[in-house]
């Protein structure tokens, strides 16, 4: 990769970050805080949260097999996505490359930041070739986005092709592993020290069952994490979110059981879907959902809505004509969907 100094926007390198009261205080444990213009009443919510979430990172690090200085925590993974644009991409000048179809926020953040977004279509197996992404890149390409397992297709992307991209691309490669807990493929977290141009995104929203608390994780070199901390809003993760995440990390064995249960339900649901007259194809998946091509996605989606069952209609997404995305729920929820589809008549 290019030297990090060449990739980062000059104004970000020169930026003097905001310094909060909690950033400035370091030393022995204090009992009187008169530094941050806080209300002294309504403890503990009257106090600003730890701006760097140190207690939370100390618990995440051993579970993920990384060092604390390799962790950034944000308001959902979307904050991490937006920050990498703001760190590396000059508006109106630089561009990024991504597979298509994939998670829509990569393009939304590109559009917000006035960055050209170049799409490379996946093949009929929803796979990519590194050579195809490299072929559309140029000197102004700063980022490449890969989602594995991919959304909305559900499948793991080729490990070897991702490695090729990491070795040959001169910019930053973002591997979004939001659904990796449901996959048997190894995480790219173990390759962080090998590839300084790698950023791995994960989340508390899926396997950890904490979508409501909005907590995303980014893992990268300490230098990149330092840049993310430099430009983030001072208190980007609130105290309530930090406390709930800490509570959940102590429930890690239970989370592993949830994952196992969802994987088993995924297998059962796909087997049952194959028996449905409206089901034409089920695509392989490594996530907590699967993509299925049906006889008429719009009609079936509307039918299910009237039954009080909501799935995701992906028929207007590239390569996904007449496809529905089915999230794995509880067994009663899944059975309700199956029963409704057994009764569906075109």
C-alpha atoms as a PDB file:
ATOM      1  CA  UNK A   1       0.000   0.000   0.000  1.00  0.00           C
ATOM      2  CA  UNK A   2       0.963   3.640  -0.269  1.00  0.00           C
ATOM      3  CA  UNK A   3       2.300   5.347   2.822  1.00  0.00           C
ATOM      4  CA  UNK A   4      -0.600   6.277   5.109  1.00  0.00           C
ATOM      5  CA  UNK A   5       0.448   9.926   4.924  1.00  0.00           C
ATOM      6  CA  UNK A   6      -0.177   9.849   1.157  1.00  0.00           C
ATOM      7  CA  UNK A   7      -3.653   8.360   1.540  1.00  0.00           C
ATOM      8  CA  UNK A   8      -5.029  10.623   4.265  1.00  0.00           C
ATOM      9  CA  UNK A   9      -6.556  13.974   3.302  1.00  0.00           C
ATOM     10  CA  UNK A  10      -4.043  16.770   4.114  1.00  0.00           C
ATOM     11  CA  UNK A  11      -6.573  18.719   6.201  1.00  0.00           C
ATOM     12  CA  UNK A  12      -7.182  15.639   8.373  1.00  0.00           C
ATOM     13  CA  UNK A  13      -3.451  15.183   8.941  1.00  0.00           C
ATOM     14  CA  UNK A  14      -3.218  18.830  10.022  1.00  0.00           C
ATOM     15  CA  UNK A  15      -6.418  18.775  12.097  1.00  0.00           C
ATOM     16  CA  UNK A  16      -6.186  19.629  15.779  1.00  0.00           C
ATOM     17  CA  UNK A  17      -8.977  17.525  17.320  1.00  0.00           C
ATOM     18  CA  UNK A  18     -11.460  18.762  19.897  1.00  0.00           C
ATOM     19  CA  UNK A  19     -10.217  18.106  23.414  1.00  0.00           C
ATOM     20  CA  UNK A  20     -12.940  17.241  25.920  1.00  0.00           C
ATOM     21  CA  UNK A  21     -12.661  17.584  29.677  1.00  0.00           C
ATOM     22  CA  UNK A  22     -12.499  13.808  30.046  1.00  0.00           C
ATOM     23  CA  UNK A  23      -9.693  13.613  27.463  1.00  0.00           C
ATOM     24  CA  UNK A  24      -7.573  16.094  29.382  1.00  0.00           C
ATOM     25  CA  UNK A  25      -7.918  14.490  32.817  1.00  0.00           C
ATOM     26  CA  UNK A  26      -5.438  11.719  33.499  1.00  0.00           C
ATOM     27  CA  UNK A  27      -3.937  10.634  36.753  1.00  0.00           C
ATOM     28  CA  UNK A  28      -5.064   9.350  40.134  1.00  0.00           C
ATOM     29  CA  UNK A  29      -8.694   8.435  40.691  1.00  0.00           C
ATOM     30  CA  UNK A  30     -10.784  11.534  41.377  1.00  0.00           C
ATOM     31  CA  UNK A  31     -13.993  11.913  43.411  1.00  0.00           C
ATOM     32  CA  UNK A  32     -14.899  15.534  42.698  1.00  0.00           C
ATOM     33  CA  UNK A  33     -15.547  16.554  39.078  1.00  0.00           C
ATOM     34  CA  UNK A  34     -15.971  20.282  38.476  1.00  0.00           C
ATOM     35  CA  UNK A  35     -14.396  20.423  35.036  1.00  0.00           C
ATOM     36  CA  UNK A  36     -17.086  19.713  32.415  1.00  0.00           C
ATOM     37  CA  UNK A  37     -20.007  22.003  33.347  1.00  0.00           C
ATOM     38  CA  UNK A  38     -22.123  18.967  34.194  1.00  0.00           C
ATOM     39  CA  UNK A  39     -25.184  19.012  36.442  1.00  0.00           C
ATOM     40  CA  UNK A  40     -24.125  17.525  39.821  1.00  0.00           C
ATOM     41  CA  UNK A  41     -27.515  15.794  40.208  1.00  0.00           C
ATOM     42  CA  UNK A  42     -29.017  12.642  38.615  1.00  0.00           C
ATOM     43  CA  UNK A  43     -25.974  10.413  39.003  1.00  0.00           C
ATOM     44  CA  UNK A  44     -24.725   8.503  36.991  1.00  0.00           C
ATOM     45  CA  UNK A  45     -26.373   9.880  33.849  1.00  0.00           C
ATOM     46  CA  UNK A  46     -25.317  13.423  34.669  1.00  0.00           C
ATOM     47  CA  UNK A  47     -21.711  12.613  33.736  1.00  0.00           C
ATOM     48  CA  UNK A  48     -20.258  12.508  30.247  1.00  0.00           C
ATOM     49  CA  UNK A  49     -19.305   8.983  29.179  1.00  0.00           C
ATOM     50  CA  UNK A  50     -15.770   7.772  28.590  1.00  0.00           C
ATOM     51  CA  UNK A  51     -14.981   9.252  25.141  1.00  0.00           C
ATOM     52  CA  UNK A  52     -12.730   6.303  24.255  1.00  0.00           C
ATOM     53  CA  UNK A  53     -14.836   3.520  25.852  1.00  0.00           C
ATOM     54  CA  UNK A  54     -11.788   1.987  27.553  1.00  0.00           C
ATOM     55  CA  UNK A  55     -13.633  -0.461  29.837  1.00  0.00           C
ATOM     56  CA  UNK A  56     -15.649  -1.764  26.908  1.00  0.00           C
ATOM     57  CA  UNK A  57     -12.611  -2.145  24.652  1.00  0.00           C
ATOM     58  CA  UNK A  58     -10.786  -4.074  27.383  1.00  0.00           C
ATOM     59  CA  UNK A  59     -13.574  -6.675  27.301  1.00  0.00           C
ATOM     60  CA  UNK A  60     -13.875  -6.787  23.502  1.00  0.00           C
ATOM     61  CA  UNK A  61     -10.138  -7.250  22.846  1.00  0.00           C
ATOM     62  CA  UNK A  62      -9.714 -10.824  24.222  1.00  0.00           C
ATOM     63  CA  UNK A  63     -12.990 -12.022  22.678  1.00  0.00           C
ATOM     64  CA  UNK A  64     -11.937 -10.754  19.240  1.00  0.00           C
ATOM     65  CA  UNK A  65      -8.251 -11.625  19.609  1.00  0.00           C
ATOM     66  CA  UNK A  66      -7.022  -8.072  19.009  1.00  0.00           C
ATOM     67  CA  UNK A  67      -5.322  -5.324  21.003  1.00  0.00           C
ATOM     68  CA  UNK A  68      -7.309  -2.475  22.527  1.00  0.00           C
ATOM     69  CA  UNK A  69      -5.467   0.078  20.381  1.00  0.00           C
ATOM     70  CA  UNK A  70      -6.798  -1.734  17.277  1.00  0.00           C
ATOM     71  CA  UNK A  71     -10.452  -1.047  18.209  1.00  0.00           C
ATOM     72  CA  UNK A  72     -12.713   1.862  17.289  1.00  0.00           C
ATOM     73  CA  UNK A  73     -16.278   1.970  18.603  1.00  0.00           C
ATOM     74  CA  UNK A  74     -18.974   4.018  16.931  1.00  0.00           C
ATOM     75  CA  UNK A  75     -22.686   4.747  16.654  1.00  0.00           C
ATOM     76  CA  UNK A  76     -23.360   1.637  14.565  1.00  0.00           C
ATOM     77  CA  UNK A  77     -21.031   0.443  11.812  1.00  0.00           C
ATOM     78  CA  UNK A  78     -22.354   3.292   9.686  1.00  0.00           C
ATOM     79  CA  UNK A  79     -20.286   5.769  11.699  1.00  0.00           C
ATOM     80  CA  UNK A  80     -17.126   3.821  10.878  1.00  0.00           C
ATOM     81  CA  UNK A  81     -18.077   3.752   7.187  1.00  0.00           C
ATOM     82  CA  UNK A  82     -18.645   7.508   7.125  1.00  0.00           C
ATOM     83  CA  UNK A  83     -15.416   8.246   8.996  1.00  0.00           C
ATOM     84  CA  UNK A  84     -13.206   6.373   6.518  1.00  0.00           C
ATOM     85  CA  UNK A  85     -14.649   8.526   3.728  1.00  0.00           C
ATOM     86  CA  UNK A  86     -13.900  11.676   5.703  1.00  0.00           C
ATOM     87  CA  UNK A  87     -10.351  10.540   6.535  1.00  0.00           C
ATOM     88  CA  UNK A  88      -9.248   9.357   3.102  1.00  0.00           C
ATOM     89  CA  UNK A  89     -11.467  10.787   0.345  1.00  0.00           C
ATOM     90  CA  UNK A  90     -11.253  14.341  -0.980  1.00  0.00           C
ATOM     91  CA  UNK A  91     -14.738  15.443  -2.077  1.00  0.00           C
ATOM     92  CA  UNK A  92     -15.073  15.823  -5.821  1.00  0.00           C
ATOM     93  CA  UNK A  93     -11.631  14.305  -6.448  1.00  0.00           C
ATOM     94  CA  UNK A  94     -11.198  10.801  -5.043  1.00  0.00           C
ATOM     95  CA  UNK A  95     -13.241   7.662  -5.694  1.00  0.00           C
ATOM     96  CA  UNK A  96     -14.019   4.288  -4.131  1.00  0.00           C
ATOM     97  CA  UNK A  97     -14.705   0.848  -5.619  1.00  0.00           C
ATOM     98  CA  UNK A  98     -17.251  -1.668  -4.312  1.00  0.00           C
ATOM     99  CA  UNK A  99     -18.910  -4.894  -5.331  1.00  0.00           C
ATOM    100  CA  UNK A 100     -22.520  -4.849  -6.560  1.00  0.00           C
ATOM    101  CA  UNK A 101     -24.930  -5.756  -5.066  1.00  0.00           C
ATOM    102  CA  UNK A 102     -23.898  -5.027  -1.504  1.00  0.00           C
ATOM    103  CA  UNK A 103     -24.815  -3.008   1.604  1.00  0.00           C
ATOM    104  CA  UNK A 104     -26.368   0.274   0.505  1.00  0.00           C
ATOM    105  CA  UNK A 105     -24.732   2.594   3.054  1.00  0.00           C
ATOM    106  CA  UNK A 106     -21.379   2.444   1.255  1.00  0.00           C
ATOM    107  CA  UNK A 107     -22.923   4.358  -1.654  1.00  0.00           C
ATOM    108  CA  UNK A 108     -25.015   6.635   0.555  1.00  0.00           C
ATOM    109  CA  UNK A 109     -21.887   7.741   2.420  1.00  0.00           C
ATOM    110  CA  UNK A 110     -20.099   8.258  -0.902  1.00  0.00           C
ATOM    111  CA  UNK A 111     -22.923  10.478  -2.135  1.00  0.00           C
ATOM    112  CA  UNK A 112     -23.025  12.461   1.126  1.00  0.00           C
ATOM    113  CA  UNK A 113     -19.277  13.055   0.940  1.00  0.00           C
ATOM    114  CA  UNK A 114     -19.293  13.851  -2.814  1.00  0.00           C
ATOM    115  CA  UNK A 115     -17.077  10.869  -3.650  1.00  0.00           C
ATOM    116  CA  UNK A 116     -17.410   8.910  -6.901  1.00  0.00           C
ATOM    117  CA  UNK A 117     -18.680   5.379  -6.239  1.00  0.00           C
ATOM    118  CA  UNK A 118     -17.599   2.737  -8.786  1.00  0.00           C
ATOM    119  CA  UNK A 119     -19.538  -0.548  -8.855  1.00  0.00           C
ATOM    120  CA  UNK A 120     -18.246  -3.924 -10.030  1.00  0.00           C
ATOM    121  CA  UNK A 121     -20.956  -6.539 -10.537  1.00  0.00           C
ATOM    122  CA  UNK A 122     -20.627  -9.930  -8.896  1.00  0.00           C
ATOM    123  CA  UNK A 123     -20.785 -13.047 -11.056  1.00  0.00           C
ATOM    124  CA  UNK A 124     -23.650 -15.547 -11.217  1.00  0.00           C
ATOM    125  CA  UNK A 125     -22.357 -17.178  -8.002  1.00  0.00           C
ATOM    126  CA  UNK A 126     -22.270 -13.778  -6.244  1.00  0.00           C
ATOM    127  CA  UNK A 127     -18.467 -13.858  -6.208  1.00  0.00           C
ATOM    128  CA  UNK A 128     -15.893 -11.306  -7.352  1.00  0.00           C
ATOM    129  CA  UNK A 129     -12.431 -11.297  -8.875  1.00  0.00           C
ATOM    130  CA  UNK A 130      -9.834  -8.973  -7.388  1.00  0.00           C
ATOM    131  CA  UNK A 131      -8.578  -8.256 -10.905  1.00  0.00           C
ATOM    132  CA  UNK A 132     -11.967  -6.786 -11.854  1.00  0.00           C
ATOM    133  CA  UNK A 133     -11.942  -4.339  -8.935  1.00  0.00           C
ATOM    134  CA  UNK A 134      -8.323  -3.389  -9.577  1.00  0.00           C
ATOM    135  CA  UNK A 135      -9.127  -2.798 -13.259  1.00  0.00           C
ATOM    136  CA  UNK A 136     -11.572   0.025 -12.484  1.00  0.00           C
ATOM    137  CA  UNK A 137      -9.290   1.661  -9.890  1.00  0.00           C
ATOM    138  CA  UNK A 138      -6.950   4.550 -10.629  1.00  0.00           C
ATOM    139  CA  UNK A 139      -4.614   6.919  -8.756  1.00  0.00           C
ATOM    140  CA  UNK A 140      -7.610   8.595  -7.088  1.00  0.00           C
ATOM    141  CA  UNK A 141      -9.102   5.344  -5.746  1.00  0.00           C
ATOM    142  CA  UNK A 142      -8.692   5.454  -1.978  1.00  0.00           C
ATOM    143  CA  UNK A 143     -11.047   2.746  -0.679  1.00  0.00           C
ATOM    144  CA  UNK A 144     -12.456  -0.643  -1.669  1.00  0.00           C
ATOM    145  CA  UNK A 145     -15.514  -2.055   0.112  1.00  0.00           C
ATOM    146  CA  UNK A 146     -16.219  -5.773   0.542  1.00  0.00           C
ATOM    147  CA  UNK A 147     -19.020  -7.237   2.650  1.00  0.00           C
ATOM    148  CA  UNK A 148     -18.459 -10.862   3.655  1.00  0.00           C
ATOM    149  CA  UNK A 149     -20.849 -12.545   4.221  1.00  0.00           C
ATOM    150  CA  UNK A 150     -22.389 -10.194   1.696  1.00  0.00           C
ATOM    151  CA  UNK A 151     -25.695  -8.395   2.070  1.00  0.00           C
ATOM    152  CA  UNK A 152     -28.160  -9.102   0.417  1.00  0.00           C
ATOM    153  CA  UNK A 153     -26.725 -12.285  -1.115  1.00  0.00           C
ATOM    154  CA  UNK A 154     -25.692 -13.954   2.165  1.00  0.00           C
ATOM    155  CA  UNK A 155     -22.578 -15.750   0.936  1.00  0.00           C
ATOM    156  CA  UNK A 156     -18.963 -15.489   2.029  1.00  0.00           C
ATOM    157  CA  UNK A 157     -16.751 -13.817  -0.549  1.00  0.00           C
ATOM    158  CA  UNK A 158     -13.660 -15.664  -1.745  1.00  0.00           C
ATOM    159  CA  UNK A 159     -10.976 -15.521   0.938  1.00  0.00           C
ATOM    160  CA  UNK A 160      -8.208 -15.773  -1.636  1.00  0.00           C
ATOM    161  CA  UNK A 161      -9.591 -12.952  -3.763  1.00  0.00           C
ATOM    162  CA  UNK A 162      -9.793 -10.707  -0.693  1.00  0.00           C
ATOM    163  CA  UNK A 163      -6.157 -11.534   0.103  1.00  0.00           C
ATOM    164  CA  UNK A 164      -5.163 -10.702  -3.473  1.00  0.00           C
ATOM    165  CA  UNK A 165      -6.860  -7.326  -3.154  1.00  0.00           C
ATOM    166  CA  UNK A 166      -5.101  -6.620   0.147  1.00  0.00           C
ATOM    167  CA  UNK A 167      -1.732  -7.447  -1.409  1.00  0.00           C
ATOM    168  CA  UNK A 168      -2.177  -5.537  -4.659  1.00  0.00           C
ATOM    169  CA  UNK A 169      -4.384  -2.514  -3.935  1.00  0.00           C
ATOM    170  CA  UNK A 170      -2.445   0.579  -2.908  1.00  0.00           C
ATOM    171  CA  UNK A 171      -5.284   2.053  -0.838  1.00  0.00           C
ATOM    172  CA  UNK A 172      -7.492   0.901   2.043  1.00  0.00           C
ATOM    173  CA  UNK A 173      -9.582  -2.308   1.900  1.00  0.00           C
ATOM    174  CA  UNK A 174     -12.660  -2.384   4.152  1.00  0.00           C
ATOM    175  CA  UNK A 175     -13.998  -5.876   4.920  1.00  0.00           C
ATOM    176  CA  UNK A 176     -17.442  -5.608   6.503  1.00  0.00           C
ATOM    177  CA  UNK A 177     -17.997  -8.690   8.680  1.00  0.00           C
ATOM    178  CA  UNK A 178     -21.376  -7.723  10.134  1.00  0.00           C
ATOM    179  CA  UNK A 179     -22.609 -11.310   9.622  1.00  0.00           C
ATOM    180  CA  UNK A 180     -19.334 -13.164  10.182  1.00  0.00           C
ATOM    181  CA  UNK A 181     -20.463 -14.721  13.488  1.00  0.00           C
ATOM    182  CA  UNK A 182     -22.854 -16.927  11.504  1.00  0.00           C
ATOM    183  CA  UNK A 183     -20.154 -18.107   9.084  1.00  0.00           C
ATOM    184  CA  UNK A 184     -17.591 -20.886   9.362  1.00  0.00           C
ATOM    185  CA  UNK A 185     -15.024 -18.819   7.424  1.00  0.00           C
ATOM    186  CA  UNK A 186     -12.128 -17.321   9.422  1.00  0.00           C
ATOM    187  CA  UNK A 187     -12.367 -13.627  10.271  1.00  0.00           C
ATOM    188  CA  UNK A 188      -9.866 -11.202   8.798  1.00  0.00           C
ATOM    189  CA  UNK A 189      -9.202  -9.891  12.309  1.00  0.00           C
ATOM    190  CA  UNK A 190      -6.287 -12.325  12.511  1.00  0.00           C
ATOM    191  CA  UNK A 191      -4.633 -10.583   9.516  1.00  0.00           C
ATOM    192  CA  UNK A 192      -4.624  -7.009  10.905  1.00  0.00           C
ATOM    193  CA  UNK A 193      -0.919  -7.014  11.749  1.00  0.00           C
ATOM    194  CA  UNK A 194      -0.104  -8.459   8.321  1.00  0.00           C
ATOM    195  CA  UNK A 195      -2.037  -5.850   6.320  1.00  0.00           C
ATOM    196  CA  UNK A 196      -1.788  -2.208   7.467  1.00  0.00           C
ATOM    197  CA  UNK A 197      -4.296  -1.273   4.723  1.00  0.00           C
ATOM    198  CA  UNK A 198      -7.054  -3.470   6.232  1.00  0.00           C
ATOM    199  CA  UNK A 199     -10.099  -2.229   8.147  1.00  0.00           C
ATOM    200  CA  UNK A 200     -12.538  -4.839   9.476  1.00  0.00           C
ATOM    201  CA  UNK A 201     -16.053  -3.781  10.460  1.00  0.00           C
ATOM    202  CA  UNK A 202     -18.218  -5.758  12.890  1.00  0.00           C
ATOM    203  CA  UNK A 203     -21.332  -4.962  14.906  1.00  0.00           C
ATOM    204  CA  UNK A 204     -23.358  -5.657  18.040  1.00  0.00           C
ATOM    205  CA  UNK A 205     -26.558  -5.560  15.952  1.00  0.00           C
ATOM    206  CA  UNK A 206     -26.639  -9.110  14.577  1.00  0.00           C
ATOM    207  CA  UNK A 207     -25.215 -12.035  16.578  1.00  0.00           C
ATOM    208  CA  UNK A 208     -25.171 -10.024  19.817  1.00  0.00           C
ATOM    209  CA  UNK A 209     -28.862  -9.131  19.496  1.00  0.00           C
ATOM    210  CA  UNK A 210     -28.263  -5.442  20.238  1.00  0.00           C
ATOM    211  CA  UNK A 211     -29.452  -3.533  17.173  1.00  0.00           C
ATOM    212  CA  UNK A 212     -31.264  -1.023  19.389  1.00  0.00           C
ATOM    213  CA  UNK A 213     -28.140   0.199  21.212  1.00  0.00           C
ATOM    214  CA  UNK A 214     -26.370   1.222  17.959  1.00  0.00           C
ATOM    215  CA  UNK A 215     -22.833   0.002  18.547  1.00  0.00           C
ATOM    216  CA  UNK A 216     -20.446  -0.779  15.711  1.00  0.00           C
ATOM    217  CA  UNK A 217     -16.823  -1.889  15.824  1.00  0.00           C
ATOM    218  CA  UNK A 218     -13.955  -1.093  13.486  1.00  0.00           C
ATOM    219  CA  UNK A 219     -10.621  -2.896  13.762  1.00  0.00           C
ATOM    220  CA  UNK A 220      -7.461  -1.632  12.099  1.00  0.00           C
ATOM    221  CA  UNK A 221      -3.866  -0.584  12.703  1.00  0.00           C
ATOM    222  CA  UNK A 222      -3.351   1.750  15.691  1.00  0.00           C
ATOM    223  CA  UNK A 223      -2.480   4.509  13.199  1.00  0.00           C
ATOM    224  CA  UNK A 224      -5.849   4.254  11.404  1.00  0.00           C
ATOM    225  CA  UNK A 225      -7.723   3.902  14.712  1.00  0.00           C
ATOM    226  CA  UNK A 226      -5.956   7.053  15.888  1.00  0.00           C
ATOM    227  CA  UNK A 227      -7.255   8.928  12.856  1.00  0.00           C
ATOM    228  CA  UNK A 228     -10.800   7.698  13.481  1.00  0.00           C
ATOM    229  CA  UNK A 229     -10.627   8.833  17.096  1.00  0.00           C
ATOM    230  CA  UNK A 230      -9.201  12.162  15.930  1.00  0.00           C
ATOM    231  CA  UNK A 231     -12.221  13.093  13.787  1.00  0.00           C
ATOM    232  CA  UNK A 232     -15.127  11.376  15.584  1.00  0.00           C
ATOM    233  CA  UNK A 233     -17.546  13.403  17.682  1.00  0.00           C
ATOM    234  CA  UNK A 234     -16.236  13.633  21.264  1.00  0.00           C
ATOM    235  CA  UNK A 235     -18.840  11.432  23.000  1.00  0.00           C
ATOM    236  CA  UNK A 236     -20.021   9.300  20.084  1.00  0.00           C
ATOM    237  CA  UNK A 237     -21.044   6.271  22.205  1.00  0.00           C
ATOM    238  CA  UNK A 238     -23.346   7.143  25.090  1.00  0.00           C
ATOM    239  CA  UNK A 239     -23.103   5.711  28.590  1.00  0.00           C
ATOM    240  CA  UNK A 240     -26.274   3.594  28.313  1.00  0.00           C
ATOM    241  CA  UNK A 241     -24.940   1.913  25.174  1.00  0.00           C
ATOM    242  CA  UNK A 242     -21.565   1.276  26.787  1.00  0.00           C
ATOM    243  CA  UNK A 243     -23.155  -0.262  29.883  1.00  0.00           C
ATOM    244  CA  UNK A 244     -25.490  -2.518  27.907  1.00  0.00           C
ATOM    245  CA  UNK A 245     -22.600  -3.709  25.713  1.00  0.00           C
ATOM    246  CA  UNK A 246     -20.516  -4.502  28.798  1.00  0.00           C
ATOM    247  CA  UNK A 247     -23.475  -6.457  30.190  1.00  0.00           C
ATOM    248  CA  UNK A 248     -23.778  -8.408  26.932  1.00  0.00           C
ATOM    249  CA  UNK A 249     -20.076  -9.240  26.746  1.00  0.00           C
ATOM    250  CA  UNK A 250     -20.414 -11.114  30.027  1.00  0.00           C
ATOM    251  CA  UNK A 251     -23.161 -13.156  28.311  1.00  0.00           C
ATOM    252  CA  UNK A 252     -20.859 -14.314  25.510  1.00  0.00           C
ATOM    253  CA  UNK A 253     -21.568 -18.053  26.105  1.00  0.00           C
ATOM    254  CA  UNK A 254     -25.306 -17.380  25.703  1.00  0.00           C
ATOM    255  CA  UNK A 255     -24.647 -15.432  22.499  1.00  0.00           C
ATOM    256  CA  UNK A 256     -22.776 -18.437  21.111  1.00  0.00           C
ATOM    257  CA  UNK A 257     -25.855 -20.546  21.843  1.00  0.00           C
ATOM    258  CA  UNK A 258     -28.053 -18.038  19.990  1.00  0.00           C
ATOM    259  CA  UNK A 259     -25.751 -18.319  16.982  1.00  0.00           C
ATOM    260  CA  UNK A 260     -25.919 -22.129  17.014  1.00  0.00           C
ATOM    261  CA  UNK A 261     -29.716 -22.037  17.278  1.00  0.00           C
ATOM    262  CA  UNK A 262     -30.014 -19.567  14.379  1.00  0.00           C
ATOM    263  CA  UNK A 263     -27.706 -21.671  12.213  1.00  0.00           C
ATOM    264  CA  UNK A 264     -29.877 -24.745  12.877  1.00  0.00           C
ATOM    265  CA  UNK A 265     -33.054 -22.788  12.101  1.00  0.00           C
ATOM    266  CA  UNK A 266     -31.427 -21.465   8.933  1.00  0.00           C
ATOM    267  CA  UNK A 267     -30.842 -25.017   7.718  1.00  0.00           C
ATOM    268  CA  UNK A 268     -34.414 -26.049   8.542  1.00  0.00           C
ATOM    269  CA  UNK A 269     -35.946 -22.983   6.911  1.00  0.00           C
ATOM    270  CA  UNK A 270     -34.017 -23.449   3.690  1.00  0.00           C
ATOM    271  CA  UNK A 271     -35.066 -27.094   3.523  1.00  0.00           C
ATOM    272  CA  UNK A 272     -38.715 -26.133   4.055  1.00  0.00           C
ATOM    273  CA  UNK A 273     -38.537 -23.307   1.513  1.00  0.00           C
ATOM    274  CA  UNK A 274     -37.399 -25.711  -1.187  1.00  0.00           C
ATOM    275  CA  UNK A 275     -40.740 -27.509  -0.832  1.00  0.00           C
ATOM    276  CA  UNK A 276     -42.804 -24.367  -1.451  1.00  0.00           C
ATOM    277  CA  UNK A 277     -44.446 -24.033  -4.910  1.00  0.00           C
ATOM    278  CA  UNK A 278     -43.574 -20.314  -4.995  1.00  0.00           C
ATOM    279  CA  UNK A 279     -39.851 -20.935  -4.389  1.00  0.00           C
ATOM    280  CA  UNK A 280     -37.676 -21.195  -7.485  1.00  0.00           C
ATOM    281  CA  UNK A 281     -34.137 -20.936  -6.107  1.00  0.00           C
ATOM    282  CA  UNK A 282     -32.434 -20.661  -2.740  1.00  0.00           C
ATOM    283  CA  UNK A 283     -28.948 -19.205  -2.801  1.00  0.00           C
ATOM    284  CA  UNK A 284     -26.182 -20.475  -0.484  1.00  0.00           C
ATOM    285  CA  UNK A 285     -25.776 -18.394   2.661  1.00  0.00           C
ATOM    286  CA  UNK A 286     -23.345 -17.911   5.539  1.00  0.00           C
ATOM    287  CA  UNK A 287     -25.395 -15.232   7.316  1.00  0.00           C
ATOM    288  CA  UNK A 288     -28.487 -15.086   9.547  1.00  0.00           C
ATOM    289  CA  UNK A 289     -30.647 -14.718   6.435  1.00  0.00           C
ATOM    290  CA  UNK A 290     -30.985 -16.249   3.004  1.00  0.00           C
ATOM    291  CA  UNK A 291     -31.912 -14.957  -0.434  1.00  0.00           C
ATOM    292  CA  UNK A 292     -34.565 -16.795  -2.410  1.00  0.00           C
ATOM    293  CA  UNK A 293     -35.879 -16.269  -5.922  1.00  0.00           C
ATOM    294  CA  UNK A 294     -39.647 -16.673  -6.031  1.00  0.00           C
ATOM    295  CA  UNK A 295     -42.331 -16.684  -8.724  1.00  0.00           C
ATOM    296  CA  UNK A 296     -43.373 -13.063  -8.146  1.00  0.00           C
ATOM    297  CA  UNK A 297     -41.499 -11.149  -5.437  1.00  0.00           C
ATOM    298  CA  UNK A 298     -43.765  -8.096  -5.472  1.00  0.00           C
ATOM    299  CA  UNK A 299     -46.983 -10.104  -5.204  1.00  0.00           C
ATOM    300  CA  UNK A 300     -45.655 -12.404  -2.491  1.00  0.00           C
ATOM    301  CA  UNK A 301     -44.204  -9.517  -0.513  1.00  0.00           C
ATOM    302  CA  UNK A 302     -47.549  -7.679  -0.580  1.00  0.00           C
ATOM    303  CA  UNK A 303     -49.403 -10.860   0.355  1.00  0.00           C
ATOM    304  CA  UNK A 304     -47.137 -11.353   3.386  1.00  0.00           C
ATOM    305  CA  UNK A 305     -47.584  -7.735   4.471  1.00  0.00           C
ATOM    306  CA  UNK A 306     -51.338  -8.319   4.583  1.00  0.00           C
ATOM    307  CA  UNK A 307     -50.640 -11.376   6.748  1.00  0.00           C
ATOM    308  CA  UNK A 308     -48.658  -9.172   9.148  1.00  0.00           C
ATOM    309  CA  UNK A 309     -45.337 -10.737   8.104  1.00  0.00           C
ATOM    310  CA  UNK A 310     -42.536  -8.505   6.853  1.00  0.00           C
ATOM    311  CA  UNK A 311     -39.621  -9.793   4.770  1.00  0.00           C
ATOM    312  CA  UNK A 312     -37.319  -7.764   2.510  1.00  0.00           C
ATOM    313  CA  UNK A 313     -38.184  -7.384  -1.169  1.00  0.00           C
ATOM    314  CA  UNK A 314     -34.900  -7.177  -3.106  1.00  0.00           C
ATOM    315  CA  UNK A 315     -36.317  -7.459  -6.624  1.00  0.00           C
ATOM    316  CA  UNK A 316     -35.000  -4.036  -7.688  1.00  0.00           C
ATOM    317  CA  UNK A 317     -31.435  -4.781  -6.527  1.00  0.00           C
ATOM    318  CA  UNK A 318     -28.772  -5.814  -9.062  1.00  0.00           C
ATOM    319  CA  UNK A 319     -28.824  -9.561  -9.841  1.00  0.00           C
ATOM    320  CA  UNK A 320     -31.742 -10.067  -7.426  1.00  0.00           C
ATOM    321  CA  UNK A 321     -34.822  -9.882  -9.674  1.00  0.00           C
ATOM    322  CA  UNK A 322     -37.813 -11.574  -7.995  1.00  0.00           C
ATOM    323  CA  UNK A 323     -35.769 -12.220  -4.869  1.00  0.00           C
ATOM    324  CA  UNK A 324     -36.848 -11.956  -1.238  1.00  0.00           C
ATOM    325  CA  UNK A 325     -34.421 -11.778   1.669  1.00  0.00           C
ATOM    326  CA  UNK A 326     -35.577 -13.845   4.628  1.00  0.00           C
ATOM    327  CA  UNK A 327     -34.149 -13.149   8.090  1.00  0.00           C
ATOM    328  CA  UNK A 328     -34.049 -16.143  10.436  1.00  0.00           C
ATOM    329  CA  UNK A 329     -36.330 -15.490  13.402  1.00  0.00           C
ATOM    330  CA  UNK A 330     -37.554 -17.610  16.277  1.00  0.00           C
ATOM    331  CA  UNK A 331     -39.093 -20.983  15.431  1.00  0.00           C
ATOM    332  CA  UNK A 332     -42.667 -19.677  15.928  1.00  0.00           C
ATOM    333  CA  UNK A 333     -41.924 -16.664  13.688  1.00  0.00           C
ATOM    334  CA  UNK A 334     -40.370 -18.880  11.045  1.00  0.00           C
ATOM    335  CA  UNK A 335     -43.303 -21.294  11.200  1.00  0.00           C
ATOM    336  CA  UNK A 336     -45.755 -18.422  10.728  1.00  0.00           C
ATOM    337  CA  UNK A 337     -43.935 -17.433   7.534  1.00  0.00           C
ATOM    338  CA  UNK A 338     -43.882 -21.004   6.229  1.00  0.00           C
ATOM    339  CA  UNK A 339     -47.581 -21.515   6.951  1.00  0.00           C
ATOM    340  CA  UNK A 340     -48.509 -18.280   5.175  1.00  0.00           C
ATOM    341  CA  UNK A 341     -46.472 -19.235   2.095  1.00  0.00           C
ATOM    342  CA  UNK A 342     -47.984 -22.729   1.996  1.00  0.00           C
ATOM    343  CA  UNK A 343     -51.383 -21.066   1.727  1.00  0.00           C
ATOM    344  CA  UNK A 344     -50.276 -18.544  -0.905  1.00  0.00           C
ATOM    345  CA  UNK A 345     -51.994 -18.822  -4.267  1.00  0.00           C
ATOM    346  CA  UNK A 346     -50.708 -16.861  -7.254  1.00  0.00           C
END
